[in-house]
C-alpha cells in the first residue's frame, strides 16, 4: 500500500465515437481484452486490478446516465447456476469471486452532459472529498516493471509537497497533436522528477520546439502525458471556476487547462516513465488491435 493515496478515478463517460458501430452495442471500456494469464476480461477490469495492487482503496468510475447499472452487473458476476459451471475452471471461479470484492470498492459519478474531460473529472469532487486522487484514462491500460505506473505515481505523494504530479513519457513531433506536453527542469537528486514550468494541450510542433523544452532530451524529443495523473484536491476548485466562468477550449472544459492554472498557482510536478513502464492505447480501432496483441504478451 502506498500509504498516502486512497482514491482513484477512472473516466468511462465517453461516447466511443471512433469505435462505432461496435460501441453502439457495448461500451468500449467493456470490450474484451485477454491478459497475460490468458483470461479474457473487460478492458476497464484491468484498471481495478492495477489500482488495487497499487494500494488504492476506493475507485470512482465516471459514467453516462444508466451505465453504472451495466458496470455493477458485470462486477456482480454470474448467477449461481453459471458459477457451478465455472467450478471446473478454478482460475475463472476465483475471478468471479474477486469481481464481487471489487464491487465493494467501486462507486460512480454521472456525467449527464458531454462537456469535456475536465467537466467529467469535476463530477468526482464529492468522491475526492478533499483528498488527492489518482486519475487514469479509461481507454488505456498500463503495465510496468519492477514498479507499476500506478504504484510509482501514487508513491510520489510522499515527495510532491501536496502538489499534483503527472506521469509523462517521451514523444516525437508527430505525436504532439495527441497529448498535453510540458516544459520543465529535472531535479538533480532524481532526474526522472521534473518541476514543470509550462503545460500546453496538443501543441503545434513549432510551439513545442520553442516553448516546451525539458533538459536531457534530444532536439526533437518532448515529454507528453502518459495518461495517468495524481491530482491535488485544488484541481476541483480550478475546474469549478472554469465551469462557472465558461472557460472552454474547442467548446469543452479541458483538464489540461485546469492543470496549467493549478501549476501557475501552486506549482506542478511530472515524473518520466521508464521504457519498461508502458501505456497501451485502445482508443481507436487500429490501436485497439495492436494493443490487444501487445498486452497479451508476458510483461
Protein backbone atom coordinates (compact mmCIF):
# COMPACT_ATOMS: atom_id res chain seq x y z
CA UNK A 1 0.00 0.00 0.00
CA UNK A 2 1.31 3.44 -0.91
CA UNK A 3 0.29 4.90 2.44
CA UNK A 4 -0.96 8.25 1.13
CA UNK A 5 -3.32 7.95 -1.82
CA UNK A 6 -6.51 6.02 -1.16
CA UNK A 7 -8.71 7.06 -4.06
CA UNK A 8 -8.65 6.72 -7.83
CA UNK A 9 -10.85 7.93 -10.68
CA UNK A 10 -11.46 6.14 -13.99
CA UNK A 11 -13.38 8.11 -16.68
CA UNK A 12 -15.76 5.94 -18.74
CA UNK A 13 -18.34 8.52 -19.82
CA UNK A 14 -17.12 9.00 -23.39
CA UNK A 15 -19.31 8.05 -26.33
CA UNK A 16 -16.72 5.83 -28.01
CA UNK A 17 -17.46 7.51 -31.34
CA UNK A 18 -14.31 6.24 -33.06
CA UNK A 19 -15.31 2.65 -32.27
CA UNK A 20 -18.81 2.99 -33.78
CA UNK A 21 -20.76 0.82 -34.53
CA UNK A 22 -19.23 -1.64 -32.05
CA UNK A 23 -19.51 0.97 -29.31
CA UNK A 24 -23.21 1.26 -30.10
CA UNK A 25 -23.58 -2.35 -28.94
CA UNK A 26 -21.29 -2.21 -25.90
CA UNK A 27 -19.14 0.48 -24.26
CA UNK A 28 -15.54 0.37 -25.48
CA UNK A 29 -14.31 0.02 -21.88
CA UNK A 30 -16.27 -3.25 -21.76
CA UNK A 31 -14.61 -4.66 -24.90
CA UNK A 32 -12.82 -7.96 -24.12
CA UNK A 33 -9.07 -7.90 -23.56
CA UNK A 34 -7.04 -11.05 -22.90
CA UNK A 35 -4.42 -10.65 -20.18
CA UNK A 36 -1.00 -12.28 -19.93
CA UNK A 37 -2.65 -15.00 -17.84
CA UNK A 38 -4.95 -15.94 -20.72
CA UNK A 39 -8.13 -14.70 -19.02
CA UNK A 40 -10.49 -12.52 -21.06
CA UNK A 41 -11.72 -9.54 -19.05
CA UNK A 42 -13.49 -6.30 -19.84
CA UNK A 43 -10.93 -3.57 -20.61
CA UNK A 44 -11.78 -1.50 -17.51
CA UNK A 45 -11.39 -4.58 -15.28
CA UNK A 46 -7.62 -4.27 -15.61
CA UNK A 47 -7.75 -0.81 -14.04
CA UNK A 48 -9.28 -2.35 -10.93
CA UNK A 49 -6.52 -4.96 -10.80
CA UNK A 50 -3.79 -2.37 -11.29
CA UNK A 51 -5.17 0.20 -8.89
CA UNK A 52 -5.89 -2.17 -6.02
CA UNK A 53 -2.42 -3.69 -6.42
CA UNK A 54 -1.07 -0.13 -6.03
CA UNK A 55 -2.83 0.25 -2.68
CA UNK A 56 -5.92 2.14 -3.85
CA UNK A 57 -8.91 1.50 -1.59
CA UNK A 58 -11.74 3.34 -3.38
CA UNK A 59 -12.34 3.72 -7.11
CA UNK A 60 -14.84 6.11 -8.69
CA UNK A 61 -15.90 5.38 -12.27
CA UNK A 62 -17.31 8.30 -14.28
CA UNK A 63 -20.23 7.10 -16.40
CA UNK A 64 -23.05 8.24 -18.63
CA UNK A 65 -26.54 8.00 -17.12
CA UNK A 66 -27.54 4.36 -16.76
CA UNK A 67 -24.10 2.87 -17.37
CA UNK A 68 -23.49 2.44 -13.65
CA UNK A 69 -26.05 -0.37 -13.69
CA UNK A 70 -24.26 -2.13 -16.57
CA UNK A 71 -20.87 -1.97 -14.86
CA UNK A 72 -22.26 -3.02 -11.49
CA UNK A 73 -23.94 -6.02 -13.11
CA UNK A 74 -20.64 -7.00 -14.73
CA UNK A 75 -18.82 -6.88 -11.41
CA UNK A 76 -21.59 -8.73 -9.61
CA UNK A 77 -20.79 -11.65 -11.87
CA UNK A 78 -22.87 -14.65 -12.90
CA UNK A 79 -25.72 -16.33 -11.08
CA UNK A 80 -25.32 -19.49 -9.02
CA UNK A 81 -26.08 -21.80 -11.93
CA UNK A 82 -23.31 -20.26 -14.01
CA UNK A 83 -20.93 -20.34 -11.03
CA UNK A 84 -21.43 -24.09 -10.85
CA UNK A 85 -20.28 -24.32 -14.47
CA UNK A 86 -17.17 -22.35 -13.55
CA UNK A 87 -16.30 -24.79 -10.78
CA UNK A 88 -14.26 -26.91 -13.19
CA UNK A 89 -12.20 -23.81 -14.07
CA UNK A 90 -10.68 -22.75 -10.72
CA UNK A 91 -8.98 -19.63 -12.12
CA UNK A 92 -12.27 -18.36 -13.55
CA UNK A 93 -14.21 -19.18 -10.40
CA UNK A 94 -11.65 -17.19 -8.42
CA UNK A 95 -12.08 -14.35 -10.90
CA UNK A 96 -15.82 -14.21 -10.25
CA UNK A 97 -15.20 -14.03 -6.51
CA UNK A 98 -12.68 -11.21 -6.92
CA UNK A 99 -15.07 -9.25 -9.14
CA UNK A 100 -17.63 -9.18 -6.35
CA UNK A 101 -14.96 -7.90 -4.00
CA UNK A 102 -14.11 -5.13 -6.46
CA UNK A 103 -17.75 -4.09 -6.45
CA UNK A 104 -17.35 -3.17 -2.78
CA UNK A 105 -14.59 -0.69 -3.70
CA UNK A 106 -16.35 0.93 -6.66
CA UNK A 107 -18.66 3.93 -6.72
CA UNK A 108 -19.96 6.01 -9.63
CA UNK A 109 -20.13 9.64 -10.70
CA UNK A 110 -22.51 10.51 -13.53
CA UNK A 111 -21.66 12.99 -16.29
CA UNK A 112 -25.05 14.00 -17.64
CA UNK A 113 -23.70 16.14 -20.50
CA UNK A 114 -20.67 15.67 -22.74
CA UNK A 115 -18.81 18.85 -21.76
CA UNK A 116 -15.21 17.65 -21.90
CA UNK A 117 -12.63 15.73 -19.90
CA UNK A 118 -12.29 18.43 -17.24
CA UNK A 119 -16.05 18.52 -16.80
CA UNK A 120 -16.07 14.72 -16.38
CA UNK A 121 -13.38 14.85 -13.71
CA UNK A 122 -15.24 17.62 -11.88
CA UNK A 123 -18.14 15.21 -11.31
CA UNK A 124 -15.92 13.32 -8.82
CA UNK A 125 -15.46 16.28 -6.45
CA UNK A 126 -17.68 14.76 -3.77
CA UNK A 127 -15.89 11.43 -4.09
CA UNK A 128 -12.47 13.06 -3.65
CA UNK A 129 -13.68 14.87 -0.53
CA UNK A 130 -10.51 16.94 -0.23
CA UNK A 131 -8.06 14.07 -0.87
CA UNK A 132 -5.58 13.53 -3.68
CA UNK A 133 -6.88 11.23 -6.40
CA UNK A 134 -5.12 9.07 -8.96
CA UNK A 135 -6.71 9.60 -12.38
CA UNK A 136 -6.13 7.20 -15.27
CA UNK A 137 -7.58 7.18 -18.78
CA UNK A 138 -10.36 4.65 -19.11
CA UNK A 139 -9.45 3.52 -22.64
CA UNK A 140 -5.74 3.00 -21.92
CA UNK A 141 -4.09 0.22 -19.94
CA UNK A 142 -0.77 0.38 -18.15
CA UNK A 143 1.95 -2.06 -17.16
CA UNK A 144 5.43 -1.73 -15.73
CA UNK A 145 8.36 -3.48 -14.10
CA UNK A 146 9.74 -3.50 -11.50
CA UNK A 147 7.16 -0.94 -10.35
CA UNK A 148 3.75 -0.37 -11.96
CA UNK A 149 2.99 3.17 -13.16
CA UNK A 150 0.04 3.44 -10.76
CA UNK A 151 2.09 2.48 -7.72
CA UNK A 152 5.01 4.72 -8.63
CA UNK A 153 2.76 7.70 -9.29
CA UNK A 154 0.82 7.15 -6.06
CA UNK A 155 4.08 6.95 -4.15
CA UNK A 156 5.14 10.40 -5.39
CA UNK A 157 2.55 11.84 -2.99
CA UNK A 158 5.21 11.46 -0.32
CA UNK A 159 7.59 13.85 -2.11
CA UNK A 160 5.23 16.17 -4.01
CA UNK A 161 4.58 18.59 -1.15
CA UNK A 162 0.87 18.33 -1.83
CA UNK A 163 1.21 19.30 -5.49
CA UNK A 164 -0.18 17.43 -8.48
CA UNK A 165 2.11 15.03 -10.33
CA UNK A 166 1.59 13.75 -13.88
CA UNK A 167 3.20 10.73 -15.46
CA UNK A 168 4.92 11.65 -18.74
CA UNK A 169 6.84 9.81 -21.41
CA UNK A 170 8.95 10.71 -24.41
CA UNK A 171 7.17 11.58 -27.64
CA UNK A 172 8.25 12.86 -31.04
CA UNK A 173 6.95 15.78 -33.12
CA UNK A 174 4.37 13.63 -34.87
CA UNK A 175 2.75 12.70 -31.54
CA UNK A 176 2.35 16.22 -30.16
CA UNK A 177 -1.12 16.57 -31.66
CA UNK A 178 -2.39 13.87 -29.31
CA UNK A 179 -1.00 14.86 -25.91
CA UNK A 180 -0.65 17.54 -23.30
CA UNK A 181 3.06 18.42 -23.27
CA UNK A 182 5.29 20.03 -20.65
CA UNK A 183 8.34 22.21 -20.21
CA UNK A 184 10.42 21.93 -17.05
CA UNK A 185 13.64 21.25 -15.22
CA UNK A 186 14.78 17.91 -13.91
CA UNK A 187 15.75 17.66 -10.26
CA UNK A 188 19.40 17.00 -9.53
CA UNK A 189 18.63 14.33 -6.93
CA UNK A 190 16.15 12.50 -9.18
CA UNK A 191 16.40 13.16 -12.91
CA UNK A 192 13.06 11.49 -13.60
CA UNK A 193 11.26 14.03 -11.40
CA UNK A 194 10.58 17.34 -13.14
CA UNK A 195 9.49 20.75 -11.86
CA UNK A 196 7.03 21.78 -14.55
CA UNK A 197 7.20 25.34 -15.91
CA UNK A 198 4.52 25.15 -18.63
CA UNK A 199 1.74 22.81 -19.80
CA UNK A 200 0.14 23.07 -23.25
CA UNK A 201 -2.55 20.78 -24.64
CA UNK A 202 -1.72 19.31 -28.08
CA UNK A 203 0.79 22.00 -29.08
CA UNK A 204 1.85 22.77 -32.62
CA UNK A 205 5.33 21.50 -33.45
CA UNK A 206 6.84 24.97 -33.72
CA UNK A 207 5.36 25.94 -30.35
CA UNK A 208 6.73 22.79 -28.73
CA UNK A 209 10.19 23.33 -30.18
CA UNK A 210 10.21 26.91 -28.93
CA UNK A 211 8.50 26.62 -25.54
CA UNK A 212 8.26 23.02 -24.35
CA UNK A 213 11.80 22.02 -23.55
CA UNK A 214 12.97 19.67 -20.81
CA UNK A 215 16.69 19.18 -20.15
CA UNK A 216 18.44 15.92 -21.08
CA UNK A 217 16.21 15.21 -24.06
CA UNK A 218 17.11 15.08 -27.74
CA UNK A 219 16.50 18.07 -30.00
CA UNK A 220 13.13 16.74 -31.17
CA UNK A 221 12.10 14.83 -28.06
CA UNK A 222 9.33 16.05 -25.78
CA UNK A 223 7.54 14.86 -22.65
CA UNK A 224 3.81 14.31 -23.07
CA UNK A 225 1.02 12.94 -20.92
CA UNK A 226 1.28 9.21 -20.24
CA UNK A 227 -2.42 9.03 -19.33
CA UNK A 228 -2.18 8.98 -15.55
CA UNK A 229 -2.21 11.90 -13.08
CA UNK A 230 -2.03 12.31 -9.33
CA UNK A 231 -4.25 15.32 -8.74
CA UNK A 232 -4.16 17.59 -5.71
CA UNK A 233 -7.66 18.49 -4.45
CA UNK A 234 -7.33 22.10 -5.62
CA UNK A 235 -7.91 20.85 -9.17
CA UNK A 236 -11.63 20.80 -8.32
CA UNK A 237 -11.54 24.47 -7.32
CA UNK A 238 -9.93 25.32 -10.64
CA UNK A 239 -12.46 23.27 -12.61
CA UNK A 240 -15.34 24.79 -10.67
CA UNK A 241 -14.14 28.28 -11.55
CA UNK A 242 -13.67 27.34 -15.21
CA UNK A 243 -17.20 25.94 -15.41
CA UNK A 244 -18.66 28.96 -13.62
CA UNK A 245 -16.80 31.39 -15.92
CA UNK A 246 -17.44 29.22 -19.00
CA UNK A 247 -13.73 28.89 -19.82
CA UNK A 248 -13.62 26.40 -22.69
CA UNK A 249 -11.19 25.14 -25.31
CA UNK A 250 -12.73 23.90 -28.55
CA UNK A 251 -16.12 24.08 -26.88
CA UNK A 252 -15.25 21.92 -23.88
CA UNK A 253 -13.89 22.22 -20.34
CA UNK A 254 -10.39 20.79 -20.67
CA UNK A 255 -8.47 19.19 -17.83
CA UNK A 256 -5.11 20.27 -19.27
CA UNK A 257 -6.04 23.94 -18.98
CA UNK A 258 -7.04 23.34 -15.35
CA UNK A 259 -3.69 21.67 -14.73
CA UNK A 260 -1.83 24.67 -16.17
CA UNK A 261 -3.84 27.05 -13.98
CA UNK A 262 -3.08 24.84 -10.99
CA UNK A 263 0.62 24.92 -11.91
CA UNK A 264 0.59 28.71 -12.04
CA UNK A 265 -0.99 28.92 -8.60
CA UNK A 266 0.94 26.30 -6.64
CA UNK A 267 3.47 24.51 -8.83
CA UNK A 268 3.28 21.17 -10.58
CA UNK A 269 5.48 18.09 -10.93
CA UNK A 270 5.91 15.36 -13.51
CA UNK A 271 7.64 12.01 -13.38
CA UNK A 272 9.07 10.44 -16.51
CA UNK A 273 8.10 6.83 -17.02
CA UNK A 274 10.81 4.33 -17.93
CA UNK A 275 10.79 2.26 -21.15
CA UNK A 276 9.62 -0.68 -19.01
CA UNK A 277 6.53 1.26 -17.92
CA UNK A 278 4.18 1.06 -20.86
CA UNK A 279 0.88 2.53 -21.98
CA UNK A 280 -1.48 0.57 -24.23
CA UNK A 281 -3.90 2.75 -26.21
CA UNK A 282 -7.28 1.18 -27.01
CA UNK A 283 -8.92 4.44 -28.09
CA UNK A 284 -9.17 3.85 -31.85
CA UNK A 285 -9.72 0.58 -33.77
CA UNK A 286 -6.21 0.13 -35.18
CA UNK A 287 -4.55 0.98 -31.86
CA UNK A 288 -7.01 -1.34 -30.13
CA UNK A 289 -5.99 -4.21 -32.39
CA UNK A 290 -2.27 -3.60 -31.89
CA UNK A 291 -2.66 -3.19 -28.13
CA UNK A 292 -4.61 -6.46 -27.85
CA UNK A 293 -1.61 -8.34 -29.19
CA UNK A 294 0.99 -6.45 -27.14
CA UNK A 295 -0.95 -6.53 -23.88
CA UNK A 296 -1.42 -10.30 -24.15
CA UNK A 297 2.34 -10.84 -24.09
CA UNK A 298 4.04 -11.53 -20.80
CA UNK A 299 5.33 -8.31 -19.28
